[in-house]
Amino acid sequence: MVRPRGTDSAKVIQVIETISIRGEGTQDDLCRPIKQYWDFNGNLLAENDACTREKE
């Protein structure tokens, strides 16, 4: 039986979170809030888009 190891490390870090609206408001491209996470040098670290997850 294989057991998951779990998390080896976790820490709290500072990032910039932005929330913006994306989409044209059509059935194929709904308007929705997008969360993006940036570092202090302006690099995009991650994005949370509910519509992107549904298509995958």
C-alpha atoms as a PDB file:
ATOM      1  CA  MET A   1       0.000   0.000   0.000  1.00  0.00           C
ATOM      2  CA  VAL A   2       1.394   3.383  -1.036  1.00  0.00           C
ATOM      3  CA  ARG A   3       0.884   6.201   1.423  1.00  0.00           C
ATOM      4  CA  PRO A   4       1.131   9.860   0.463  1.00  0.00           C
ATOM      5  CA  ARG A   5       4.046  11.632   2.100  1.00  0.00           C
ATOM      6  CA  GLY A   6       2.170  14.818   2.796  1.00  0.00           C
ATOM      7  CA  THR A   7       3.701  18.268   2.763  1.00  0.00           C
ATOM      8  CA  ASP A   8       7.429  18.551   3.344  1.00  0.00           C
ATOM      9  CA  SER A   9       7.444  22.324   3.747  1.00  0.00           C
ATOM     10  CA  ALA A  10       5.091  25.287   3.859  1.00  0.00           C
ATOM     11  CA  LYS A  11       5.617  28.975   4.494  1.00  0.00           C
ATOM     12  CA  VAL A  12       3.767  32.246   4.262  1.00  0.00           C
ATOM     13  CA  ILE A  13       5.119  34.629   1.630  1.00  0.00           C
ATOM     14  CA  GLN A  14       4.110  38.066   0.443  1.00  0.00           C
ATOM     15  CA  VAL A  15       2.548  38.353  -3.019  1.00  0.00           C
ATOM     16  CA  ILE A  16       0.267  40.814  -4.763  1.00  0.00           C
ATOM     17  CA  GLU A  17      -3.276  39.543  -5.427  1.00  0.00           C
ATOM     18  CA  THR A  18      -5.302  41.277  -8.152  1.00  0.00           C
ATOM     19  CA  ILE A  19      -8.932  40.651  -9.072  1.00  0.00           C
ATOM     20  CA  SER A  20     -10.257  41.705 -12.464  1.00  0.00           C
ATOM     21  CA  ILE A  21     -13.163  40.879 -14.765  1.00  0.00           C
ATOM     22  CA  ARG A  22     -12.538  38.817 -17.891  1.00  0.00           C
ATOM     23  CA  GLY A  23     -14.900  37.742 -20.651  1.00  0.00           C
ATOM     24  CA  GLU A  24     -17.152  39.190 -23.314  1.00  0.00           C
ATOM     25  CA  GLY A  25     -20.403  38.225 -21.600  1.00  0.00           C
ATOM     26  CA  THR A  26     -21.400  35.650 -24.219  1.00  0.00           C
ATOM     27  CA  GLN A  27     -22.342  32.003 -23.663  1.00  0.00           C
ATOM     28  CA  ASP A  28     -18.890  30.950 -24.899  1.00  0.00           C
ATOM     29  CA  ASP A  29     -16.992  33.634 -22.934  1.00  0.00           C
ATOM     30  CA  LEU A  30     -18.773  34.436 -19.664  1.00  0.00           C
ATOM     31  CA  CYS A  31     -17.857  37.490 -17.594  1.00  0.00           C
ATOM     32  CA  ARG A  32     -16.149  36.303 -14.430  1.00  0.00           C
ATOM     33  CA  PRO A  33     -13.707  37.501 -11.794  1.00  0.00           C
ATOM     34  CA  ILE A  34     -10.102  36.411 -12.263  1.00  0.00           C
ATOM     35  CA  LYS A  35      -7.602  36.280  -9.396  1.00  0.00           C
ATOM     36  CA  GLN A  36      -3.952  36.711 -10.279  1.00  0.00           C
ATOM     37  CA  TYR A  37      -0.930  36.490  -8.012  1.00  0.00           C
ATOM     38  CA  TRP A  38       2.193  38.543  -8.758  1.00  0.00           C
ATOM     39  CA  ASP A  39       5.613  38.960  -7.207  1.00  0.00           C
ATOM     40  CA  PHE A  40       7.053  42.380  -6.441  1.00  0.00           C
ATOM     41  CA  ASN A  41       8.985  42.396  -9.731  1.00  0.00           C
ATOM     42  CA  GLY A  42       5.778  42.244 -11.794  1.00  0.00           C
ATOM     43  CA  ASN A  43       5.998  38.529 -12.669  1.00  0.00           C
ATOM     44  CA  LEU A  44       2.729  36.597 -12.848  1.00  0.00           C
ATOM     45  CA  LEU A  45       2.963  33.630 -10.474  1.00  0.00           C
ATOM     46  CA  ALA A  46      -0.498  32.062 -10.754  1.00  0.00           C
ATOM     47  CA  GLU A  47      -3.998  32.680 -12.044  1.00  0.00           C
ATOM     48  CA  ASN A  48      -7.364  31.401 -10.845  1.00  0.00           C
ATOM     49  CA  ASP A  49     -10.004  31.383 -13.623  1.00  0.00           C
ATOM     50  CA  ALA A  50     -13.040  29.170 -12.983  1.00  0.00           C
ATOM     51  CA  CYS A  51     -13.908  28.978 -16.692  1.00  0.00           C
ATOM     52  CA  THR A  52     -10.434  27.745 -17.627  1.00  0.00           C
ATOM     53  CA  ARG A  53     -10.727  24.870 -15.155  1.00  0.00           C
ATOM     54  CA  GLU A  54     -14.097  23.817 -16.603  1.00  0.00           C
ATOM     55  CA  LYS A  55     -12.660  23.531 -20.130  1.00  0.00           C
ATOM     56  CA  GLU A  56      -9.696  21.370 -19.072  1.00  0.00           C
END
